[in-house]
Amino acid sequence: MHRLLRFAIAAVLAAPTLAHDFWIEPESFRPKADATLKVALKVGDFAIGDELPRTDLRILDFSLRGADLRTAVVGRDGALPAGFVRTRGAGLHALGYRSTPSFVELEGAKFEEYLREKGLERVSAERARLGESEARARELYSRCAKALIQVGEGGPQEFALMFDYPLEILPERNPNALFSAPATAAALPVRVFFNGAPLQGALLGALELRDDAAHRPPQTPIVARTDAEGRASLELPHAGRWMLAVVHMERAKDPARADWESFWASLTFEARASAK
């Protein structure tokens, strides 16, 4: 009964009806080398999330990659956490998850609210031009999540690994070497790519990952728009565990299946102050 309830909650939370973000949250962002790492998939608001069980039918890719490494994140269908992976040599590595498309249909007002929240005014304007603002919208959506983890001490620092996902966020500076002191602000430059090309005009947001037990009030996202080269800079106020997120939407290629197709990308990492 409890498992069925979890699946029902997960199904509701996974839909973009309320514009929930989706991210990878490993047991540790700094695991030891040659250790088994638990990898959770989470969905929620304001970077406080509920853990989702593994759903094998939804997975196109779930892997750990490094400069010379690619290994699958394994697990049992329906189980929590969503996966386990064995870490290898020291260095900065990236966990990646890509899902198959899922379908949702929203009434016009709900869809317009979702477009405003995710900075998709371009889509709202096109709907208005075509007289569709009040019409129901059929949408296919898929997830492209990544997480940076520092395995052991030192090693290669490959912080901008491209996974060939449809939508990706790539930092242009190593988040692990971003801060000179824990409470010192620092700018993190990033690029957003869609199908391998820079994505202009995307609304990128940053939120601090928070423990459910913290009971802190909702935080306001730190936001920036990407330029013609897909670049944006986010001013992070302090070191900590962070999530970057972005959504891109286009007309669906097959109008018989859906009106729109959206791609949701996230990048999580733990930024620490440099040791002096």
C-alpha atoms as a PDB file:
ATOM      1  CA  MET A   1       0.000   0.000   0.000  1.00  0.00           C
ATOM      2  CA  HIS A   2       2.802   2.402   0.916  1.00  0.00           C
ATOM      3  CA  ARG A   3       4.601   1.657  -2.368  1.00  0.00           C
ATOM      4  CA  LEU A   4       1.416   2.299  -4.361  1.00  0.00           C
ATOM      5  CA  LEU A   5       0.986   5.604  -2.545  1.00  0.00           C
ATOM      6  CA  ARG A   6       4.576   6.586  -3.340  1.00  0.00           C
ATOM      7  CA  PHE A   7       4.033   5.807  -7.025  1.00  0.00           C
ATOM      8  CA  ALA A   8       0.814   7.860  -7.082  1.00  0.00           C
ATOM      9  CA  ILE A   9       2.554  10.839  -5.474  1.00  0.00           C
ATOM     10  CA  ALA A  10       5.529  10.477  -7.818  1.00  0.00           C
ATOM     11  CA  ALA A  11       3.263  10.434 -10.872  1.00  0.00           C
ATOM     12  CA  VAL A  12       1.652  13.698  -9.810  1.00  0.00           C
ATOM     13  CA  LEU A  13       4.933  15.375  -8.920  1.00  0.00           C
ATOM     14  CA  ALA A  14       6.695  14.280 -12.092  1.00  0.00           C
ATOM     15  CA  ALA A  15       4.236  16.154 -14.331  1.00  0.00           C
ATOM     16  CA  PRO A  16       5.078  19.787 -15.088  1.00  0.00           C
ATOM     17  CA  THR A  17       1.557  20.921 -14.072  1.00  0.00           C
ATOM     18  CA  LEU A  18       3.029  22.902 -11.173  1.00  0.00           C
ATOM     19  CA  ALA A  19       6.409  23.358 -12.857  1.00  0.00           C
ATOM     20  CA  HIS A  20       8.357  21.072 -10.498  1.00  0.00           C
ATOM     21  CA  ASP A  21      12.093  20.789 -11.030  1.00  0.00           C
ATOM     22  CA  PHE A  22      13.847  17.435 -11.330  1.00  0.00           C
ATOM     23  CA  TRP A  23      17.426  16.737 -10.267  1.00  0.00           C
ATOM     24  CA  ILE A  24      20.051  14.176  -9.282  1.00  0.00           C
ATOM     25  CA  GLU A  25      21.046  14.187  -5.612  1.00  0.00           C
ATOM     26  CA  PRO A  26      23.798  11.677  -4.792  1.00  0.00           C
ATOM     27  CA  GLU A  27      24.317  10.432  -1.256  1.00  0.00           C
ATOM     28  CA  SER A  28      27.505  12.504  -1.282  1.00  0.00           C
ATOM     29  CA  PHE A  29      28.902  15.005  -3.769  1.00  0.00           C
ATOM     30  CA  ARG A  30      32.375  14.029  -2.493  1.00  0.00           C
ATOM     31  CA  PRO A  31      32.437  10.231  -2.288  1.00  0.00           C
ATOM     32  CA  LYS A  32      35.544   8.177  -1.692  1.00  0.00           C
ATOM     33  CA  ALA A  33      37.169   6.341  -4.582  1.00  0.00           C
ATOM     34  CA  ASP A  34      36.262   2.671  -5.108  1.00  0.00           C
ATOM     35  CA  ALA A  35      33.075   3.003  -3.069  1.00  0.00           C
ATOM     36  CA  THR A  36      29.407   2.288  -3.798  1.00  0.00           C
ATOM     37  CA  LEU A  37      27.481   5.541  -4.162  1.00  0.00           C
ATOM     38  CA  LYS A  38      23.707   5.812  -3.731  1.00  0.00           C
ATOM     39  CA  VAL A  39      22.091   8.066  -6.337  1.00  0.00           C
ATOM     40  CA  ALA A  40      18.647   9.594  -5.765  1.00  0.00           C
ATOM     41  CA  LEU A  41      16.350  11.230  -8.305  1.00  0.00           C
ATOM     42  CA  LYS A  42      14.283  14.060  -6.841  1.00  0.00           C
ATOM     43  CA  VAL A  43      11.421  16.290  -7.901  1.00  0.00           C
ATOM     44  CA  GLY A  44      10.060  19.293  -6.053  1.00  0.00           C
ATOM     45  CA  ASP A  45       9.784  23.031  -5.575  1.00  0.00           C
ATOM     46  CA  PHE A  46      12.361  25.516  -4.268  1.00  0.00           C
ATOM     47  CA  ALA A  47      15.003  22.720  -4.299  1.00  0.00           C
ATOM     48  CA  ILE A  48      13.236  20.752  -1.566  1.00  0.00           C
ATOM     49  CA  GLY A  49      12.344  17.465  -3.208  1.00  0.00           C
ATOM     50  CA  ASP A  50      10.654  14.110  -2.873  1.00  0.00           C
ATOM     51  CA  GLU A  51      12.633  11.063  -3.907  1.00  0.00           C
ATOM     52  CA  LEU A  52      11.368   9.144  -6.920  1.00  0.00           C
ATOM     53  CA  PRO A  53      11.649   5.375  -7.367  1.00  0.00           C
ATOM     54  CA  ARG A  54      13.536   3.986 -10.325  1.00  0.00           C
ATOM     55  CA  THR A  55      11.377   3.434 -13.422  1.00  0.00           C
ATOM     56  CA  ASP A  56      13.333   1.445 -15.993  1.00  0.00           C
ATOM     57  CA  LEU A  57      10.883   2.189 -18.812  1.00  0.00           C
ATOM     58  CA  ARG A  58      11.610   5.917 -18.420  1.00  0.00           C
ATOM     59  CA  ILE A  59      15.418   5.637 -18.557  1.00  0.00           C
ATOM     60  CA  LEU A  60      17.325   6.359 -21.773  1.00  0.00           C
ATOM     61  CA  ASP A  61      20.601   6.943 -19.949  1.00  0.00           C
ATOM     62  CA  PHE A  62      21.658   6.754 -16.296  1.00  0.00           C
ATOM     63  CA  SER A  63      25.432   6.787 -16.065  1.00  0.00           C
ATOM     64  CA  LEU A  64      28.596   8.030 -14.374  1.00  0.00           C
ATOM     65  CA  ARG A  65      31.193   9.571 -16.668  1.00  0.00           C
ATOM     66  CA  GLY A  66      34.670  10.999 -16.395  1.00  0.00           C
ATOM     67  CA  ALA A  67      37.601  11.796 -18.625  1.00  0.00           C
ATOM     68  CA  ASP A  68      38.123   8.095 -19.444  1.00  0.00           C
ATOM     69  CA  LEU A  69      35.102   6.531 -17.773  1.00  0.00           C
ATOM     70  CA  ARG A  70      31.534   5.594 -18.573  1.00  0.00           C
ATOM     71  CA  THR A  71      29.635   3.180 -16.355  1.00  0.00           C
ATOM     72  CA  ALA A  72      25.927   2.541 -15.786  1.00  0.00           C
ATOM     73  CA  VAL A  73      24.082   3.540 -12.635  1.00  0.00           C
ATOM     74  CA  VAL A  74      22.306   0.294 -11.787  1.00  0.00           C
ATOM     75  CA  GLY A  75      19.285  -0.493  -9.644  1.00  0.00           C
ATOM     76  CA  ARG A  76      16.034  -2.383  -9.282  1.00  0.00           C
ATOM     77  CA  ASP A  77      12.887  -1.181 -11.020  1.00  0.00           C
ATOM     78  CA  GLY A  78      10.554   0.486  -8.526  1.00  0.00           C
ATOM     79  CA  ALA A  79      13.188   0.735  -5.796  1.00  0.00           C
ATOM     80  CA  LEU A  80      14.582   3.602  -3.757  1.00  0.00           C
ATOM     81  CA  PRO A  81      17.153   4.979  -4.217  1.00  0.00           C
ATOM     82  CA  ALA A  82      16.961   5.053  -7.999  1.00  0.00           C
ATOM     83  CA  GLY A  83      20.493   3.762  -8.483  1.00  0.00           C
ATOM     84  CA  PHE A  84      23.902   2.680  -7.274  1.00  0.00           C
ATOM     85  CA  VAL A  85      27.275   3.139  -8.914  1.00  0.00           C
ATOM     86  CA  ARG A  86      30.844   2.180  -8.076  1.00  0.00           C
ATOM     87  CA  THR A  87      33.191   5.153  -8.070  1.00  0.00           C
ATOM     88  CA  ARG A  88      36.615   4.740  -9.666  1.00  0.00           C
ATOM     89  CA  GLY A  89      39.774   6.848  -9.617  1.00  0.00           C
ATOM     90  CA  ALA A  90      40.042  10.308  -8.099  1.00  0.00           C
ATOM     91  CA  GLY A  91      38.779  13.342  -9.967  1.00  0.00           C
ATOM     92  CA  LEU A  92      35.701  15.301 -10.919  1.00  0.00           C
ATOM     93  CA  HIS A  93      33.028  13.103 -12.539  1.00  0.00           C
ATOM     94  CA  ALA A  94      29.467  13.664 -13.745  1.00  0.00           C
ATOM     95  CA  LEU A  95      26.326  11.640 -13.140  1.00  0.00           C
ATOM     96  CA  GLY A  96      23.737  11.880 -15.900  1.00  0.00           C
ATOM     97  CA  TYR A  97      20.086  10.893 -16.324  1.00  0.00           C
ATOM     98  CA  ARG A  98      17.958  11.211 -19.455  1.00  0.00           C
ATOM     99  CA  SER A  99      14.310  10.158 -19.606  1.00  0.00           C
ATOM    100  CA  THR A 100      11.927   9.125 -22.352  1.00  0.00           C
ATOM    101  CA  PRO A 101       9.170  11.649 -23.173  1.00  0.00           C
ATOM    102  CA  SER A 102       5.978  11.654 -21.088  1.00  0.00           C
ATOM    103  CA  PHE A 103       2.616  13.203 -21.943  1.00  0.00           C
ATOM    104  CA  VAL A 104       0.547  15.755 -20.052  1.00  0.00           C
ATOM    105  CA  GLU A 105      -2.470  17.854 -21.058  1.00  0.00           C
ATOM    106  CA  LEU A 106      -3.202  21.163 -19.334  1.00  0.00           C
ATOM    107  CA  GLU A 107      -6.043  23.640 -19.484  1.00  0.00           C
ATOM    108  CA  GLY A 108      -5.144  26.950 -21.087  1.00  0.00           C
ATOM    109  CA  ALA A 109      -4.778  29.064 -17.923  1.00  0.00           C
ATOM    110  CA  LYS A 110      -2.598  26.470 -16.187  1.00  0.00           C
ATOM    111  CA  PHE A 111      -0.387  26.155 -19.237  1.00  0.00           C
ATOM    112  CA  GLU A 112       0.038  29.930 -19.523  1.00  0.00           C
ATOM    113  CA  GLU A 113       0.958  30.139 -15.818  1.00  0.00           C
ATOM    114  CA  TYR A 114       3.568  27.411 -16.308  1.00  0.00           C
ATOM    115  CA  LEU A 115       5.006  29.254 -19.353  1.00  0.00           C
ATOM    116  CA  ARG A 116       5.369  32.470 -17.340  1.00  0.00           C
ATOM    117  CA  GLU A 117       7.045  30.693 -14.423  1.00  0.00           C
ATOM    118  CA  LYS A 118       9.644  29.024 -16.632  1.00  0.00           C
ATOM    119  CA  GLY A 119      10.406  32.098 -18.757  1.00  0.00           C
ATOM    120  CA  LEU A 120       8.782  30.687 -21.893  1.00  0.00           C
ATOM    121  CA  GLU A 121       7.149  33.932 -23.006  1.00  0.00           C
ATOM    122  CA  ARG A 122       8.122  33.125 -26.593  1.00  0.00           C
ATOM    123  CA  VAL A 123       5.728  30.158 -26.534  1.00  0.00           C
ATOM    124  CA  SER A 124       2.998  32.224 -24.876  1.00  0.00           C
ATOM    125  CA  ALA A 125       3.387  34.893 -27.568  1.00  0.00           C
ATOM    126  CA  GLU A 126       3.059  32.324 -30.343  1.00  0.00           C
ATOM    127  CA  ARG A 127      -0.094  30.917 -28.737  1.00  0.00           C
ATOM    128  CA  ALA A 128      -1.517  34.424 -28.541  1.00  0.00           C
ATOM    129  CA  ARG A 129      -0.671  35.112 -32.198  1.00  0.00           C
ATOM    130  CA  LEU A 130      -2.535  31.945 -33.215  1.00  0.00           C
ATOM    131  CA  GLY A 131      -5.500  32.609 -30.906  1.00  0.00           C
ATOM    132  CA  GLU A 132      -4.610  29.627 -28.700  1.00  0.00           C
ATOM    133  CA  SER A 133      -4.051  31.370 -25.354  1.00  0.00           C
ATOM    134  CA  GLU A 134      -7.161  29.858 -23.763  1.00  0.00           C
ATOM    135  CA  ALA A 135      -6.886  26.497 -25.517  1.00  0.00           C
ATOM    136  CA  ARG A 136      -5.835  23.307 -23.754  1.00  0.00           C
ATOM    137  CA  ALA A 137      -2.251  22.287 -24.465  1.00  0.00           C
ATOM    138  CA  ARG A 138      -0.933  18.777 -25.083  1.00  0.00           C
ATOM    139  CA  GLU A 139       2.711  18.471 -24.124  1.00  0.00           C
ATOM    140  CA  LEU A 140       5.494  15.913 -24.285  1.00  0.00           C
ATOM    141  CA  TYR A 141       8.226  16.532 -21.703  1.00  0.00           C
ATOM    142  CA  SER A 142      11.522  14.831 -20.919  1.00  0.00           C
ATOM    143  CA  ARG A 143      14.286  15.221 -18.333  1.00  0.00           C
ATOM    144  CA  CYS A 144      18.043  15.783 -18.770  1.00  0.00           C
ATOM    145  CA  ALA A 145      19.682  15.912 -15.335  1.00  0.00           C
ATOM    146  CA  LYS A 146      23.362  15.966 -14.385  1.00  0.00           C
ATOM    147  CA  ALA A 147      25.365  16.161 -11.153  1.00  0.00           C
ATOM    148  CA  LEU A 148      29.056  16.862 -10.575  1.00  0.00           C
ATOM    149  CA  ILE A 149      30.825  14.751  -7.957  1.00  0.00           C
ATOM    150  CA  GLN A 150      34.394  14.960  -6.704  1.00  0.00           C
ATOM    151  CA  VAL A 151      35.678  11.416  -6.201  1.00  0.00           C
ATOM    152  CA  GLY A 152      38.481  11.219  -3.654  1.00  0.00           C
ATOM    153  CA  GLU A 153      41.091  13.972  -3.627  1.00  0.00           C
ATOM    154  CA  GLY A 154      42.530  15.751  -6.652  1.00  0.00           C
ATOM    155  CA  GLY A 155      42.575  14.041 -10.034  1.00  0.00           C
ATOM    156  CA  PRO A 156      41.332  15.375 -13.407  1.00  0.00           C
ATOM    157  CA  GLN A 157      38.831  18.228 -13.141  1.00  0.00           C
ATOM    158  CA  GLU A 158      36.549  17.638 -16.132  1.00  0.00           C
ATOM    159  CA  PHE A 159      33.745  19.990 -15.065  1.00  0.00           C
ATOM    160  CA  ALA A 160      32.148  20.545 -18.511  1.00  0.00           C
ATOM    161  CA  LEU A 161      31.443  17.042 -19.791  1.00  0.00           C
ATOM    162  CA  MET A 162      28.924  16.954 -22.648  1.00  0.00           C
ATOM    163  CA  PHE A 163      26.552  13.964 -22.479  1.00  0.00           C
ATOM    164  CA  ASP A 164      24.869  14.534 -25.859  1.00  0.00           C
ATOM    165  CA  TYR A 165      21.524  15.090 -24.156  1.00  0.00           C
ATOM    166  CA  PRO A 166      18.998  17.340 -25.956  1.00  0.00           C
ATOM    167  CA  LEU A 167      19.335  20.089 -23.315  1.00  0.00           C
ATOM    168  CA  GLU A 168      22.463  20.588 -21.193  1.00  0.00           C
ATOM    169  CA  ILE A 169      23.949  23.087 -18.755  1.00  0.00           C
ATOM    170  CA  LEU A 170      27.751  23.305 -18.825  1.00  0.00           C
ATOM    171  CA  PRO A 171      29.717  25.409 -16.317  1.00  0.00           C
ATOM    172  CA  GLU A 172      32.598  27.457 -17.699  1.00  0.00           C
ATOM    173  CA  ARG A 173      34.366  27.522 -14.349  1.00  0.00           C
ATOM    174  CA  ASN A 174      34.929  24.640 -11.954  1.00  0.00           C
ATOM    175  CA  PRO A 175      32.210  25.019  -9.258  1.00  0.00           C
ATOM    176  CA  ASN A 176      34.493  23.214  -6.818  1.00  0.00           C
ATOM    177  CA  ALA A 177      37.060  26.036  -7.074  1.00  0.00           C
ATOM    178  CA  LEU A 178      34.616  28.931  -7.226  1.00  0.00           C
ATOM    179  CA  PHE A 179      34.706  30.393  -3.713  1.00  0.00           C
ATOM    180  CA  SER A 180      37.592  31.921  -1.796  1.00  0.00           C
ATOM    181  CA  ALA A 181      35.623  31.777   1.489  1.00  0.00           C
ATOM    182  CA  PRO A 182      32.343  30.056   2.531  1.00  0.00           C
ATOM    183  CA  ALA A 183      30.335  33.292   2.823  1.00  0.00           C
ATOM    184  CA  THR A 184      31.868  35.078  -0.171  1.00  0.00           C
ATOM    185  CA  ALA A 185      29.735  35.528  -3.293  1.00  0.00           C
ATOM    186  CA  ALA A 186      31.048  34.293  -6.626  1.00  0.00           C
ATOM    187  CA  ALA A 187      29.855  34.416 -10.221  1.00  0.00           C
ATOM    188  CA  LEU A 188      29.438  31.090 -12.007  1.00  0.00           C
ATOM    189  CA  PRO A 189      29.490  31.440 -15.818  1.00  0.00           C
ATOM    190  CA  VAL A 190      27.630  28.692 -17.672  1.00  0.00           C
ATOM    191  CA  ARG A 191      26.465  27.816 -21.169  1.00  0.00           C
ATOM    192  CA  VAL A 192      23.207  26.158 -22.213  1.00  0.00           C
ATOM    193  CA  PHE A 193      23.094  23.925 -25.281  1.00  0.00           C
ATOM    194  CA  PHE A 194      20.106  22.511 -27.157  1.00  0.00           C
ATOM    195  CA  ASN A 195      20.906  19.654 -29.539  1.00  0.00           C
ATOM    196  CA  GLY A 196      24.563  20.644 -29.334  1.00  0.00           C
ATOM    197  CA  ALA A 197      24.028  24.296 -30.303  1.00  0.00           C
ATOM    198  CA  PRO A 198      24.061  27.343 -27.970  1.00  0.00           C
ATOM    199  CA  LEU A 199      20.549  28.209 -26.756  1.00  0.00           C
ATOM    200  CA  GLN A 200      19.649  31.912 -26.686  1.00  0.00           C
ATOM    201  CA  GLY A 201      17.019  33.486 -24.435  1.00  0.00           C
ATOM    202  CA  ALA A 202      16.648  30.602 -21.983  1.00  0.00           C
ATOM    203  CA  LEU A 203      15.791  31.488 -18.382  1.00  0.00           C
ATOM    204  CA  LEU A 204      18.350  29.831 -16.131  1.00  0.00           C
ATOM    205  CA  GLY A 205      17.697  29.590 -12.392  1.00  0.00           C
ATOM    206  CA  ALA A 206      19.840  28.673  -9.382  1.00  0.00           C
ATOM    207  CA  LEU A 207      18.558  27.342  -6.066  1.00  0.00           C
ATOM    208  CA  GLU A 208      20.348  26.050  -2.984  1.00  0.00           C
ATOM    209  CA  LEU A 209      19.561  22.392  -2.289  1.00  0.00           C
ATOM    210  CA  ARG A 210      17.825  22.171   1.074  1.00  0.00           C
ATOM    211  CA  ASP A 211      17.042  19.428   3.520  1.00  0.00           C
ATOM    212  CA  ASP A 212      13.320  18.840   4.082  1.00  0.00           C
ATOM    213  CA  ALA A 213      13.973  18.971   7.833  1.00  0.00           C
ATOM    214  CA  ALA A 214      15.296  22.528   7.625  1.00  0.00           C
ATOM    215  CA  HIS A 215      11.751  24.009   7.401  1.00  0.00           C
ATOM    216  CA  ARG A 216      13.102  27.205   5.919  1.00  0.00           C
ATOM    217  CA  PRO A 217      10.830  29.529   3.919  1.00  0.00           C
ATOM    218  CA  PRO A 218      10.807  29.234   0.105  1.00  0.00           C
ATOM    219  CA  GLN A 219      13.837  30.808  -1.522  1.00  0.00           C
ATOM    220  CA  THR A 220      13.800  33.155  -4.495  1.00  0.00           C
ATOM    221  CA  PRO A 221      15.683  31.704  -7.474  1.00  0.00           C
ATOM    222  CA  ILE A 222      18.758  33.494  -8.784  1.00  0.00           C
ATOM    223  CA  VAL A 223      17.990  33.950 -12.495  1.00  0.00           C
ATOM    224  CA  ALA A 224      19.699  35.015 -15.713  1.00  0.00           C
ATOM    225  CA  ARG A 225      18.917  34.839 -19.446  1.00  0.00           C
ATOM    226  CA  THR A 226      21.312  33.243 -21.893  1.00  0.00           C
ATOM    227  CA  ASP A 227      22.791  35.411 -24.646  1.00  0.00           C
ATOM    228  CA  ALA A 228      23.313  34.597 -28.331  1.00  0.00           C
ATOM    229  CA  GLU A 229      26.160  32.234 -27.408  1.00  0.00           C
ATOM    230  CA  GLY A 230      24.071  30.445 -24.814  1.00  0.00           C
ATOM    231  CA  ARG A 231      25.995  32.116 -21.989  1.00  0.00           C
ATOM    232  CA  ALA A 232      24.738  33.371 -18.642  1.00  0.00           C
ATOM    233  CA  SER A 233      26.328  34.222 -15.304  1.00  0.00           C
ATOM    234  CA  LEU A 234      24.750  33.396 -11.950  1.00  0.00           C
ATOM    235  CA  GLU A 235      25.890  35.203  -8.811  1.00  0.00           C
ATOM    236  CA  LEU A 236      25.901  32.572  -6.065  1.00  0.00           C
ATOM    237  CA  PRO A 237      25.904  34.217  -2.605  1.00  0.00           C
ATOM    238  CA  HIS A 238      27.874  31.538  -0.792  1.00  0.00           C
ATOM    239  CA  ALA A 239      29.344  28.052  -1.009  1.00  0.00           C
ATOM    240  CA  GLY A 240      27.018  25.071  -0.620  1.00  0.00           C
ATOM    241  CA  ARG A 241      24.963  22.536  -2.556  1.00  0.00           C
ATOM    242  CA  TRP A 242      23.340  24.129  -5.591  1.00  0.00           C
ATOM    243  CA  MET A 243      20.979  23.245  -8.430  1.00  0.00           C
ATOM    244  CA  LEU A 244      20.830  25.036 -11.782  1.00  0.00           C
ATOM    245  CA  ALA A 245      17.729  24.454 -13.906  1.00  0.00           C
ATOM    246  CA  VAL A 246      16.372  25.476 -17.312  1.00  0.00           C
ATOM    247  CA  VAL A 247      13.418  24.547 -19.564  1.00  0.00           C
ATOM    248  CA  HIS A 248      13.196  24.784 -23.358  1.00  0.00           C
ATOM    249  CA  MET A 249      10.035  24.238 -25.401  1.00  0.00           C
ATOM    250  CA  GLU A 250       9.315  23.841 -29.120  1.00  0.00           C
ATOM    251  CA  ARG A 251       6.403  22.909 -31.331  1.00  0.00           C
ATOM    252  CA  ALA A 252       5.993  19.137 -31.302  1.00  0.00           C
ATOM    253  CA  LYS A 253       7.257  17.448 -34.460  1.00  0.00           C
ATOM    254  CA  ASP A 254       4.228  15.140 -34.551  1.00  0.00           C
ATOM    255  CA  PRO A 255       1.048  17.234 -34.034  1.00  0.00           C
ATOM    256  CA  ALA A 256      -0.987  14.033 -33.719  1.00  0.00           C
ATOM    257  CA  ARG A 257       0.849  13.251 -30.451  1.00  0.00           C
ATOM    258  CA  ALA A 258       1.191  16.707 -28.887  1.00  0.00           C
ATOM    259  CA  ASP A 259       1.154  20.446 -29.497  1.00  0.00           C
ATOM    260  CA  TRP A 260       4.444  21.179 -27.710  1.00  0.00           C
ATOM    261  CA  GLU A 261       7.547  19.352 -26.580  1.00  0.00           C
ATOM    262  CA  SER A 262       9.582  20.542 -23.601  1.00  0.00           C
ATOM    263  CA  PHE A 263      13.023  19.602 -22.354  1.00  0.00           C
ATOM    264  CA  TRP A 264      13.994  20.085 -18.695  1.00  0.00           C
ATOM    265  CA  ALA A 265      17.660  20.218 -17.697  1.00  0.00           C
ATOM    266  CA  SER A 266      19.334  20.526 -14.306  1.00  0.00           C
ATOM    267  CA  LEU A 267      22.854  20.502 -12.903  1.00  0.00           C
ATOM    268  CA  THR A 268      23.633  19.903  -9.227  1.00  0.00           C
ATOM    269  CA  PHE A 269      26.960  20.286  -7.445  1.00  0.00           C
ATOM    270  CA  GLU A 270      28.544  21.102  -4.098  1.00  0.00           C
ATOM    271  CA  ALA A 271      30.718  24.200  -4.134  1.00  0.00           C
ATOM    272  CA  ARG A 272      33.215  24.522  -1.303  1.00  0.00           C
ATOM    273  CA  ALA A 273      35.564  27.347  -0.415  1.00  0.00           C
ATOM    274  CA  SER A 274      39.152  26.849  -1.560  1.00  0.00           C
ATOM    275  CA  ALA A 275      41.520  25.681   1.152  1.00  0.00           C
ATOM    276  CA  LYS A 276      44.161  28.249   2.067  1.00  0.00           C
END
